[in-house]
């Protein structure tokens, strides 16, 4: 990892020390050897109700495919994709803990603005456990969104982000679409 230090078009390449970078930025780094990734130790954490809400937007849906009956007909498929994505998160993302039992809920919100047709997908992942379900909610939103991209011949998926998380030491935290904390309780 290198960072450019200096003015526009100039300056020099600087490599921050791995120890300094890892000590401040990453949680999945071995405390004994910063060159090695590691699972976060959750043995000391308490079991609490954990919940996370994520959002994704399906963009570029052709007008002829933006049919509410069709979208509603895909609801069970989308729910299945979201649930599969959430449950399989630990298999797809290194160092994610497997969580069970996991409940996943999905909501689809259609939107039309001029000739732009979009669908916002909201996914909520809930479990009782020692670690959060943020990655599961984000995976659920991504898989649900990609399923709709494929089914509706849309052009893509945009703005996948966490909206809310609760449980554990942090309590309730709400985020804007850029990932900034807007309120924490």
N, C-alpha and C. Protein backbone atom coordinates (compact mmCIF):
# COMPACT_ATOMS: atom_id res chain seq x y z
N UNK A 1 0.85 -1.18 0.00
CA UNK A 1 0.00 0.00 0.00
C UNK A 1 0.89 1.23 0.00
N UNK A 2 0.70 2.07 -0.99
CA UNK A 2 1.47 3.30 -1.10
C UNK A 2 0.51 4.47 -1.20
N UNK A 3 0.91 5.60 -0.67
CA UNK A 3 0.13 6.83 -0.74
C UNK A 3 1.01 7.89 -1.38
N UNK A 4 0.43 8.71 -2.26
CA UNK A 4 1.18 9.81 -2.85
C UNK A 4 1.16 10.97 -1.88
N UNK A 5 2.33 11.48 -1.57
CA UNK A 5 2.48 12.61 -0.67
C UNK A 5 3.05 13.75 -1.49
N UNK A 6 2.35 14.88 -1.50
CA UNK A 6 2.85 16.03 -2.25
C UNK A 6 1.79 16.63 -3.12
N UNK A 7 2.18 17.59 -3.92
CA UNK A 7 1.25 18.36 -4.74
C UNK A 7 0.73 17.60 -5.94
N UNK A 8 -0.14 18.29 -6.68
CA UNK A 8 -0.79 17.78 -7.86
C UNK A 8 0.25 17.35 -8.90
N UNK A 9 0.21 16.09 -9.28
CA UNK A 9 1.12 15.58 -10.29
C UNK A 9 2.55 15.36 -9.82
N UNK A 10 2.86 15.79 -8.62
CA UNK A 10 4.24 15.65 -8.14
C UNK A 10 4.26 14.91 -6.83
N UNK A 11 5.26 15.18 -6.07
CA UNK A 11 5.36 14.54 -4.77
C UNK A 11 6.05 13.20 -4.88
N UNK A 12 6.02 12.48 -3.80
CA UNK A 12 6.70 11.20 -3.76
C UNK A 12 5.77 10.13 -3.21
N UNK A 13 6.11 8.90 -3.50
CA UNK A 13 5.33 7.78 -2.98
C UNK A 13 5.81 7.48 -1.57
N UNK A 14 4.86 7.26 -0.69
CA UNK A 14 5.18 7.01 0.71
C UNK A 14 4.46 5.74 1.12
N UNK A 15 5.17 4.89 1.81
CA UNK A 15 4.55 3.67 2.32
C UNK A 15 4.46 3.80 3.82
N UNK A 16 3.22 3.92 4.37
CA UNK A 16 3.10 3.98 5.82
C UNK A 16 3.53 2.66 6.43
N UNK A 17 3.99 2.70 7.64
CA UNK A 17 4.39 1.44 8.28
C UNK A 17 3.17 0.56 8.44
N UNK A 18 3.35 -0.69 8.19
CA UNK A 18 2.24 -1.63 8.30
C UNK A 18 1.67 -1.63 9.70
N UNK A 19 2.53 -1.58 10.70
CA UNK A 19 2.06 -1.60 12.09
C UNK A 19 1.18 -0.39 12.38
N UNK A 20 1.60 0.80 11.95
CA UNK A 20 0.82 2.01 12.20
C UNK A 20 -0.51 1.95 11.46
N UNK A 21 -0.49 1.52 10.22
CA UNK A 21 -1.70 1.43 9.42
C UNK A 21 -2.68 0.43 10.03
N UNK A 22 -2.21 -0.74 10.36
CA UNK A 22 -3.07 -1.80 10.88
C UNK A 22 -3.59 -1.49 12.28
N UNK A 23 -2.80 -0.83 13.07
CA UNK A 23 -3.21 -0.52 14.43
C UNK A 23 -4.36 0.46 14.45
N UNK A 24 -4.51 1.26 13.41
CA UNK A 24 -5.53 2.28 13.42
C UNK A 24 -6.71 1.98 12.50
N UNK A 25 -6.54 1.16 11.48
CA UNK A 25 -7.56 1.07 10.45
C UNK A 25 -8.29 -0.27 10.34
N UNK A 26 -7.65 -1.36 10.69
CA UNK A 26 -8.24 -2.66 10.38
C UNK A 26 -8.48 -3.49 11.64
N UNK A 27 -9.64 -4.17 11.65
CA UNK A 27 -9.95 -5.02 12.79
C UNK A 27 -9.56 -6.48 12.56
N UNK A 28 -9.43 -6.89 11.32
CA UNK A 28 -9.16 -8.29 11.01
C UNK A 28 -7.68 -8.55 10.76
N UNK A 29 -6.85 -8.06 11.67
CA UNK A 29 -5.40 -8.23 11.59
C UNK A 29 -4.94 -8.92 12.88
N UNK A 30 -4.05 -9.86 12.75
CA UNK A 30 -3.53 -10.59 13.90
C UNK A 30 -2.82 -9.63 14.86
N UNK A 31 -3.17 -9.65 16.15
CA UNK A 31 -2.49 -8.77 17.10
C UNK A 31 -1.02 -9.12 17.29
N UNK A 32 -0.65 -10.36 17.01
CA UNK A 32 0.75 -10.76 17.21
C UNK A 32 1.61 -10.57 15.96
N UNK A 33 0.97 -10.49 14.79
CA UNK A 33 1.73 -10.32 13.55
C UNK A 33 0.87 -9.54 12.56
N UNK A 34 1.16 -8.25 12.42
CA UNK A 34 0.33 -7.38 11.59
C UNK A 34 0.37 -7.71 10.11
N UNK A 35 1.22 -8.62 9.69
CA UNK A 35 1.25 -9.01 8.29
C UNK A 35 0.24 -10.11 7.99
N UNK A 36 -0.45 -10.60 9.03
CA UNK A 36 -1.38 -11.71 8.84
C UNK A 36 -2.81 -11.29 9.18
N UNK A 37 -3.76 -11.61 8.27
CA UNK A 37 -5.17 -11.38 8.60
C UNK A 37 -5.64 -12.42 9.62
N UNK A 38 -6.69 -12.09 10.35
CA UNK A 38 -7.20 -13.01 11.37
C UNK A 38 -8.67 -12.74 11.65
N UNK A 39 -9.34 -13.76 12.15
CA UNK A 39 -10.72 -13.60 12.61
C UNK A 39 -10.71 -12.74 13.87
N UNK A 40 -11.76 -11.93 14.02
CA UNK A 40 -11.92 -11.17 15.25
C UNK A 40 -12.35 -12.15 16.34
N UNK A 41 -11.73 -12.06 17.51
CA UNK A 41 -12.09 -12.92 18.63
C UNK A 41 -13.36 -12.40 19.27
N UNK A 42 -14.44 -13.18 19.19
CA UNK A 42 -15.72 -12.75 19.76
C UNK A 42 -16.09 -13.58 21.01
N UNK A 43 -15.15 -14.38 21.49
CA UNK A 43 -15.43 -15.26 22.62
C UNK A 43 -15.89 -14.49 23.86
N UNK A 44 -15.35 -13.30 24.08
CA UNK A 44 -15.67 -12.51 25.27
C UNK A 44 -16.95 -11.69 25.13
N UNK A 45 -17.53 -11.64 23.94
CA UNK A 45 -18.71 -10.81 23.70
C UNK A 45 -19.97 -11.49 24.20
N UNK A 46 -20.96 -10.68 24.54
CA UNK A 46 -22.24 -11.20 25.00
C UNK A 46 -23.18 -11.45 23.82
N UNK A 47 -24.04 -12.44 24.00
CA UNK A 47 -25.08 -12.69 23.02
C UNK A 47 -26.13 -11.59 23.17
N UNK A 48 -26.39 -10.85 22.10
CA UNK A 48 -27.45 -9.83 22.11
C UNK A 48 -28.19 -9.90 20.79
N UNK A 49 -29.37 -9.28 20.77
CA UNK A 49 -30.13 -9.18 19.53
C UNK A 49 -29.38 -8.23 18.60
N UNK A 50 -29.06 -8.68 17.41
CA UNK A 50 -28.32 -7.90 16.42
C UNK A 50 -29.20 -7.71 15.20
N UNK A 51 -29.21 -6.48 14.68
CA UNK A 51 -30.04 -6.17 13.53
C UNK A 51 -29.29 -5.18 12.65
N UNK A 52 -29.41 -5.34 11.33
CA UNK A 52 -28.81 -4.40 10.39
C UNK A 52 -29.74 -4.26 9.18
N UNK A 53 -29.83 -3.02 8.68
CA UNK A 53 -30.64 -2.72 7.51
C UNK A 53 -29.71 -2.16 6.43
N UNK A 54 -29.80 -2.73 5.23
CA UNK A 54 -28.99 -2.27 4.11
C UNK A 54 -29.90 -1.93 2.94
N UNK A 55 -29.35 -1.16 2.02
CA UNK A 55 -30.10 -0.72 0.85
C UNK A 55 -29.25 -0.88 -0.40
N UNK A 56 -29.89 -1.14 -1.53
CA UNK A 56 -29.24 -1.16 -2.83
C UNK A 56 -30.26 -0.65 -3.85
N UNK A 57 -29.80 -0.03 -4.91
CA UNK A 57 -30.70 0.51 -5.93
C UNK A 57 -30.41 -0.13 -7.28
N UNK A 58 -31.46 -0.71 -7.87
CA UNK A 58 -31.38 -1.27 -9.21
C UNK A 58 -31.63 -0.12 -10.18
N UNK A 59 -30.68 0.10 -11.09
CA UNK A 59 -30.77 1.23 -12.02
C UNK A 59 -30.82 0.74 -13.46
N UNK A 60 -31.28 1.63 -14.34
CA UNK A 60 -31.30 1.32 -15.77
C UNK A 60 -32.30 0.27 -16.17
N UNK A 61 -33.46 0.26 -15.51
CA UNK A 61 -34.50 -0.70 -15.86
C UNK A 61 -35.22 -0.19 -17.11
N UNK A 62 -35.29 -0.99 -18.18
CA UNK A 62 -36.02 -0.55 -19.37
C UNK A 62 -37.50 -0.30 -19.04
N UNK A 63 -38.06 0.74 -19.62
CA UNK A 63 -39.45 1.13 -19.34
C UNK A 63 -40.41 -0.05 -19.51
N UNK A 64 -40.21 -0.84 -20.55
CA UNK A 64 -41.13 -1.96 -20.81
C UNK A 64 -41.04 -3.06 -19.75
N UNK A 65 -39.95 -3.10 -19.01
CA UNK A 65 -39.79 -4.10 -17.95
C UNK A 65 -40.19 -3.58 -16.58
N UNK A 66 -40.48 -2.29 -16.49
CA UNK A 66 -40.86 -1.69 -15.21
C UNK A 66 -42.37 -1.85 -15.04
N UNK A 67 -42.75 -3.05 -14.71
CA UNK A 67 -44.14 -3.42 -14.57
C UNK A 67 -44.35 -3.91 -13.14
N UNK A 68 -45.25 -3.27 -12.41
CA UNK A 68 -45.45 -3.60 -10.99
C UNK A 68 -45.87 -5.06 -10.82
N UNK A 69 -46.70 -5.57 -11.72
CA UNK A 69 -47.10 -6.98 -11.61
C UNK A 69 -45.89 -7.91 -11.75
N UNK A 70 -45.01 -7.59 -12.69
CA UNK A 70 -43.79 -8.40 -12.87
C UNK A 70 -42.90 -8.31 -11.64
N UNK A 71 -42.72 -7.08 -11.14
CA UNK A 71 -41.87 -6.88 -9.97
C UNK A 71 -42.44 -7.62 -8.76
N UNK A 72 -43.75 -7.53 -8.56
CA UNK A 72 -44.38 -8.25 -7.44
C UNK A 72 -44.27 -9.76 -7.63
N UNK A 73 -44.32 -10.21 -8.88
CA UNK A 73 -44.18 -11.64 -9.17
C UNK A 73 -42.79 -12.17 -8.85
N UNK A 74 -41.82 -11.26 -8.82
CA UNK A 74 -40.44 -11.65 -8.50
C UNK A 74 -40.15 -11.60 -7.00
N UNK A 75 -41.12 -11.20 -6.21
CA UNK A 75 -40.90 -10.97 -4.78
C UNK A 75 -40.32 -12.20 -4.06
N UNK A 76 -40.86 -13.38 -4.31
CA UNK A 76 -40.36 -14.59 -3.64
C UNK A 76 -38.95 -14.94 -4.11
N UNK A 77 -38.68 -14.73 -5.38
CA UNK A 77 -37.33 -14.99 -5.91
C UNK A 77 -36.33 -14.04 -5.26
N UNK A 78 -36.72 -12.77 -5.15
CA UNK A 78 -35.85 -11.76 -4.54
C UNK A 78 -35.61 -12.09 -3.07
N UNK A 79 -36.66 -12.50 -2.35
CA UNK A 79 -36.51 -12.87 -0.95
C UNK A 79 -35.57 -14.06 -0.81
N UNK A 80 -35.71 -15.03 -1.71
CA UNK A 80 -34.82 -16.20 -1.69
C UNK A 80 -33.37 -15.81 -1.96
N UNK A 81 -33.16 -14.90 -2.91
CA UNK A 81 -31.80 -14.45 -3.22
C UNK A 81 -31.21 -13.70 -2.04
N UNK A 82 -32.00 -12.85 -1.40
CA UNK A 82 -31.52 -12.09 -0.24
C UNK A 82 -31.15 -13.03 0.90
N UNK A 83 -32.00 -14.00 1.17
CA UNK A 83 -31.74 -14.95 2.25
C UNK A 83 -30.50 -15.79 1.94
N UNK A 84 -30.38 -16.27 0.72
CA UNK A 84 -29.18 -17.05 0.33
C UNK A 84 -27.92 -16.21 0.46
N UNK A 85 -28.00 -14.97 0.01
CA UNK A 85 -26.84 -14.08 0.11
C UNK A 85 -26.41 -13.86 1.54
N UNK A 86 -27.38 -13.62 2.41
CA UNK A 86 -27.07 -13.37 3.83
C UNK A 86 -26.48 -14.61 4.49
N UNK A 87 -27.12 -15.75 4.27
CA UNK A 87 -26.67 -16.99 4.91
C UNK A 87 -25.28 -17.38 4.41
N UNK A 88 -24.99 -17.12 3.14
CA UNK A 88 -23.71 -17.51 2.56
C UNK A 88 -22.59 -16.50 2.72
N UNK A 89 -22.84 -15.40 3.43
CA UNK A 89 -21.84 -14.34 3.55
C UNK A 89 -20.51 -14.87 4.05
N UNK A 90 -20.53 -15.68 5.08
CA UNK A 90 -19.26 -16.17 5.65
C UNK A 90 -18.47 -17.03 4.68
N UNK A 91 -19.14 -17.60 3.68
CA UNK A 91 -18.44 -18.40 2.67
C UNK A 91 -17.82 -17.52 1.58
N UNK A 92 -18.35 -16.32 1.43
CA UNK A 92 -17.90 -15.44 0.34
C UNK A 92 -16.90 -14.39 0.77
N UNK A 93 -16.99 -13.95 2.01
CA UNK A 93 -16.14 -12.86 2.50
C UNK A 93 -15.21 -13.42 3.58
N UNK A 94 -13.92 -13.34 3.35
CA UNK A 94 -12.97 -13.88 4.33
C UNK A 94 -13.14 -13.26 5.71
N UNK A 95 -13.02 -14.07 6.72
CA UNK A 95 -13.03 -13.67 8.12
C UNK A 95 -14.39 -13.18 8.63
N UNK A 96 -15.47 -13.52 7.93
CA UNK A 96 -16.81 -13.28 8.47
C UNK A 96 -17.22 -14.51 9.27
N UNK A 97 -17.81 -14.28 10.43
CA UNK A 97 -18.27 -15.39 11.25
C UNK A 97 -19.57 -15.95 10.70
N UNK A 98 -19.75 -17.27 10.71
CA UNK A 98 -21.04 -17.82 10.33
C UNK A 98 -22.07 -17.50 11.42
N UNK A 99 -23.26 -17.10 11.00
CA UNK A 99 -24.30 -16.73 11.96
C UNK A 99 -25.53 -17.58 11.72
N UNK A 100 -26.13 -18.04 12.80
CA UNK A 100 -27.39 -18.76 12.71
C UNK A 100 -28.09 -18.74 14.05
N UNK A 101 -29.38 -18.84 14.15
CA UNK A 101 -30.29 -18.68 13.02
C UNK A 101 -30.34 -17.21 12.59
N UNK A 102 -30.59 -17.00 11.33
CA UNK A 102 -30.57 -15.66 10.76
C UNK A 102 -31.91 -15.42 10.07
N UNK A 103 -32.55 -14.31 10.39
CA UNK A 103 -33.80 -13.95 9.73
C UNK A 103 -33.50 -12.81 8.77
N UNK A 104 -34.02 -12.92 7.55
CA UNK A 104 -33.81 -11.88 6.54
C UNK A 104 -35.17 -11.45 5.99
N UNK A 105 -35.42 -10.15 5.99
CA UNK A 105 -36.64 -9.58 5.41
C UNK A 105 -36.24 -8.65 4.26
N UNK A 106 -37.07 -8.59 3.23
CA UNK A 106 -36.78 -7.78 2.05
C UNK A 106 -37.98 -6.93 1.69
N UNK A 107 -37.69 -5.70 1.27
CA UNK A 107 -38.73 -4.78 0.80
C UNK A 107 -38.23 -4.17 -0.51
N UNK A 108 -39.14 -4.06 -1.50
CA UNK A 108 -38.81 -3.45 -2.79
C UNK A 108 -39.62 -2.17 -2.93
N UNK A 109 -38.93 -1.07 -3.23
CA UNK A 109 -39.59 0.23 -3.40
C UNK A 109 -39.36 0.77 -4.81
N UNK A 110 -40.39 0.71 -5.68
CA UNK A 110 -40.24 1.24 -7.04
C UNK A 110 -40.23 2.77 -7.04
N UNK A 111 -39.55 3.34 -8.04
CA UNK A 111 -39.49 4.80 -8.18
C UNK A 111 -39.39 5.16 -9.65
N UNK A 112 -40.18 6.17 -10.07
CA UNK A 112 -40.12 6.68 -11.43
C UNK A 112 -39.88 8.17 -11.37
N UNK A 113 -38.88 8.63 -12.11
CA UNK A 113 -38.58 10.05 -12.19
C UNK A 113 -38.23 10.36 -13.65
N UNK A 114 -39.10 11.12 -14.32
CA UNK A 114 -38.97 11.37 -15.77
C UNK A 114 -38.93 10.02 -16.48
N UNK A 115 -37.86 9.71 -17.17
CA UNK A 115 -37.76 8.42 -17.85
C UNK A 115 -36.80 7.48 -17.14
N UNK A 116 -36.58 7.71 -15.85
CA UNK A 116 -35.68 6.88 -15.07
C UNK A 116 -36.50 5.97 -14.16
N UNK A 117 -36.24 4.67 -14.29
CA UNK A 117 -36.97 3.68 -13.51
C UNK A 117 -35.98 2.96 -12.60
N UNK A 118 -36.22 3.02 -11.30
CA UNK A 118 -35.32 2.38 -10.35
C UNK A 118 -36.12 1.60 -9.31
N UNK A 119 -35.44 0.70 -8.65
CA UNK A 119 -36.00 -0.04 -7.52
C UNK A 119 -35.02 0.04 -6.37
N UNK A 120 -35.49 0.48 -5.22
CA UNK A 120 -34.66 0.43 -4.02
C UNK A 120 -35.02 -0.86 -3.29
N UNK A 121 -34.00 -1.59 -2.90
CA UNK A 121 -34.19 -2.82 -2.14
C UNK A 121 -33.70 -2.56 -0.72
N UNK A 122 -34.54 -2.83 0.24
CA UNK A 122 -34.14 -2.74 1.65
C UNK A 122 -34.12 -4.16 2.21
N UNK A 123 -33.03 -4.51 2.86
CA UNK A 123 -32.93 -5.82 3.49
C UNK A 123 -32.63 -5.63 4.97
N UNK A 124 -33.25 -6.45 5.78
CA UNK A 124 -33.02 -6.43 7.22
C UNK A 124 -32.58 -7.82 7.65
N UNK A 125 -31.41 -7.89 8.27
CA UNK A 125 -30.89 -9.15 8.80
C UNK A 125 -30.93 -9.08 10.32
N UNK A 126 -31.43 -10.13 10.95
CA UNK A 126 -31.57 -10.16 12.39
C UNK A 126 -31.11 -11.51 12.94
N UNK A 127 -30.41 -11.46 14.06
CA UNK A 127 -30.02 -12.69 14.75
C UNK A 127 -29.74 -12.36 16.21
N UNK A 128 -29.59 -13.37 17.02
CA UNK A 128 -29.08 -13.20 18.37
C UNK A 128 -27.70 -13.84 18.37
N UNK A 129 -26.70 -13.03 18.67
CA UNK A 129 -25.35 -13.56 18.61
C UNK A 129 -24.33 -12.64 19.22
N UNK A 130 -23.05 -12.97 18.99
CA UNK A 130 -21.94 -12.23 19.57
C UNK A 130 -21.32 -11.23 18.60
N UNK A 131 -21.78 -11.22 17.37
CA UNK A 131 -21.23 -10.30 16.37
C UNK A 131 -22.35 -9.77 15.50
N UNK A 132 -22.10 -8.63 14.87
CA UNK A 132 -23.12 -7.94 14.09
C UNK A 132 -23.48 -8.64 12.79
N UNK A 133 -24.55 -8.19 12.18
CA UNK A 133 -25.05 -8.77 10.93
C UNK A 133 -24.98 -7.77 9.77
N UNK A 134 -24.08 -6.79 9.89
CA UNK A 134 -23.97 -5.77 8.84
C UNK A 134 -23.59 -6.38 7.49
N UNK A 135 -22.61 -7.24 7.47
CA UNK A 135 -22.17 -7.85 6.21
C UNK A 135 -23.27 -8.72 5.62
N UNK A 136 -24.05 -9.37 6.47
CA UNK A 136 -25.15 -10.20 5.98
C UNK A 136 -26.24 -9.34 5.35
N UNK A 137 -26.56 -8.20 5.95
CA UNK A 137 -27.57 -7.30 5.37
C UNK A 137 -27.08 -6.74 4.04
N UNK A 138 -25.80 -6.36 3.96
CA UNK A 138 -25.23 -5.84 2.71
C UNK A 138 -25.20 -6.93 1.63
N UNK A 139 -24.84 -8.14 2.00
CA UNK A 139 -24.85 -9.25 1.03
C UNK A 139 -26.26 -9.53 0.55
N UNK A 140 -27.22 -9.50 1.46
CA UNK A 140 -28.62 -9.73 1.10
C UNK A 140 -29.10 -8.69 0.09
N UNK A 141 -28.80 -7.41 0.35
CA UNK A 141 -29.21 -6.34 -0.57
C UNK A 141 -28.54 -6.52 -1.94
N UNK A 142 -27.27 -6.90 -1.93
CA UNK A 142 -26.53 -7.09 -3.18
C UNK A 142 -27.10 -8.25 -4.00
N UNK A 143 -27.32 -9.38 -3.36
CA UNK A 143 -27.85 -10.55 -4.07
C UNK A 143 -29.27 -10.29 -4.57
N UNK A 144 -30.10 -9.66 -3.75
CA UNK A 144 -31.47 -9.33 -4.19
C UNK A 144 -31.41 -8.38 -5.38
N UNK A 145 -30.54 -7.38 -5.29
CA UNK A 145 -30.41 -6.42 -6.38
C UNK A 145 -29.90 -7.05 -7.66
N UNK A 146 -28.89 -7.89 -7.56
CA UNK A 146 -28.37 -8.55 -8.75
C UNK A 146 -29.40 -9.49 -9.38
N UNK A 147 -30.24 -10.10 -8.57
CA UNK A 147 -31.32 -10.94 -9.08
C UNK A 147 -32.30 -10.10 -9.90
N UNK A 148 -32.61 -8.90 -9.41
CA UNK A 148 -33.51 -8.02 -10.16
C UNK A 148 -32.84 -7.46 -11.41
N UNK A 149 -31.55 -7.16 -11.34
CA UNK A 149 -30.82 -6.70 -12.53
C UNK A 149 -30.95 -7.76 -13.62
N UNK A 150 -30.72 -9.00 -13.27
CA UNK A 150 -30.80 -10.10 -14.23
C UNK A 150 -32.23 -10.30 -14.74
N UNK A 151 -33.20 -10.30 -13.85
CA UNK A 151 -34.59 -10.59 -14.22
C UNK A 151 -35.22 -9.48 -15.05
N UNK A 152 -34.88 -8.23 -14.76
CA UNK A 152 -35.50 -7.09 -15.43
C UNK A 152 -34.63 -6.49 -16.54
N UNK A 153 -33.48 -7.11 -16.78
CA UNK A 153 -32.53 -6.62 -17.80
C UNK A 153 -32.14 -5.17 -17.53
N UNK A 154 -31.90 -4.87 -16.27
CA UNK A 154 -31.45 -3.55 -15.86
C UNK A 154 -29.96 -3.43 -16.15
N UNK A 155 -29.43 -2.21 -16.03
CA UNK A 155 -28.01 -2.02 -16.36
C UNK A 155 -27.08 -2.15 -15.16
N UNK A 156 -27.62 -2.11 -13.94
CA UNK A 156 -26.70 -2.24 -12.82
C UNK A 156 -27.31 -2.06 -11.46
N UNK A 157 -26.41 -2.11 -10.49
CA UNK A 157 -26.74 -1.98 -9.08
C UNK A 157 -25.91 -0.83 -8.53
N UNK A 158 -26.54 0.08 -7.82
CA UNK A 158 -25.83 1.26 -7.33
C UNK A 158 -26.12 1.47 -5.85
N UNK A 159 -25.22 2.22 -5.23
CA UNK A 159 -25.42 2.72 -3.88
C UNK A 159 -25.78 1.65 -2.86
N UNK A 160 -25.02 0.59 -2.83
CA UNK A 160 -25.20 -0.44 -1.79
C UNK A 160 -24.59 0.11 -0.51
N UNK A 161 -25.40 0.23 0.52
CA UNK A 161 -24.88 0.81 1.77
C UNK A 161 -25.70 0.37 2.97
N UNK A 162 -25.07 0.49 4.12
CA UNK A 162 -25.72 0.21 5.40
C UNK A 162 -26.53 1.42 5.82
N UNK A 163 -27.75 1.19 6.28
CA UNK A 163 -28.61 2.28 6.74
C UNK A 163 -28.70 2.35 8.26
N UNK A 164 -28.65 1.18 8.91
CA UNK A 164 -28.87 1.13 10.36
C UNK A 164 -28.29 -0.17 10.91
N UNK A 165 -27.78 -0.09 12.13
CA UNK A 165 -27.40 -1.32 12.84
C UNK A 165 -27.74 -1.12 14.31
N UNK A 166 -28.04 -2.22 14.96
CA UNK A 166 -28.33 -2.16 16.40
C UNK A 166 -27.86 -3.44 17.06
N UNK A 167 -27.69 -3.34 18.38
CA UNK A 167 -27.22 -4.48 19.16
C UNK A 167 -25.75 -4.36 19.47
N UNK A 168 -25.34 -5.05 20.47
CA UNK A 168 -23.92 -5.02 20.84
C UNK A 168 -23.52 -3.73 21.52
N UNK A 169 -22.23 -3.50 21.58
CA UNK A 169 -21.65 -2.37 22.31
C UNK A 169 -22.04 -1.02 21.70
N UNK A 170 -22.20 -0.97 20.38
CA UNK A 170 -22.48 0.31 19.69
C UNK A 170 -23.90 0.80 19.86
N UNK A 171 -24.83 -0.07 20.18
CA UNK A 171 -26.23 0.34 20.27
C UNK A 171 -26.81 0.63 18.91
N UNK A 172 -27.72 1.61 18.82
CA UNK A 172 -28.33 2.00 17.54
C UNK A 172 -27.46 3.01 16.82
N UNK A 173 -27.14 2.71 15.57
CA UNK A 173 -26.37 3.63 14.73
C UNK A 173 -27.07 3.73 13.38
N UNK A 174 -27.28 4.97 12.92
CA UNK A 174 -27.90 5.22 11.62
C UNK A 174 -26.88 5.88 10.71
N UNK A 175 -26.92 5.51 9.41
CA UNK A 175 -25.96 6.00 8.44
C UNK A 175 -26.67 6.68 7.27
N UNK A 176 -26.02 7.68 6.66
CA UNK A 176 -26.54 8.25 5.42
C UNK A 176 -26.03 7.40 4.26
N UNK A 177 -26.41 7.75 3.04
CA UNK A 177 -26.04 6.93 1.89
C UNK A 177 -24.55 6.96 1.58
N UNK A 178 -23.80 7.85 2.21
CA UNK A 178 -22.35 7.90 2.03
C UNK A 178 -21.59 7.17 3.13
N UNK A 179 -22.33 6.54 4.05
CA UNK A 179 -21.68 5.78 5.12
C UNK A 179 -21.33 6.59 6.35
N UNK A 180 -21.74 7.85 6.38
CA UNK A 180 -21.47 8.68 7.56
C UNK A 180 -22.52 8.44 8.63
N UNK A 181 -22.09 8.41 9.87
CA UNK A 181 -23.02 8.26 10.99
C UNK A 181 -23.86 9.53 11.09
N UNK A 182 -25.19 9.36 11.08
CA UNK A 182 -26.06 10.53 11.23
C UNK A 182 -26.62 10.62 12.64
N UNK A 183 -26.88 9.49 13.27
CA UNK A 183 -27.26 9.48 14.69
C UNK A 183 -26.81 8.18 15.31
N UNK A 184 -26.39 8.29 16.53
CA UNK A 184 -26.01 7.10 17.31
C UNK A 184 -26.63 7.26 18.68
N UNK A 185 -27.22 6.17 19.19
CA UNK A 185 -27.87 6.23 20.50
C UNK A 185 -27.26 5.19 21.40
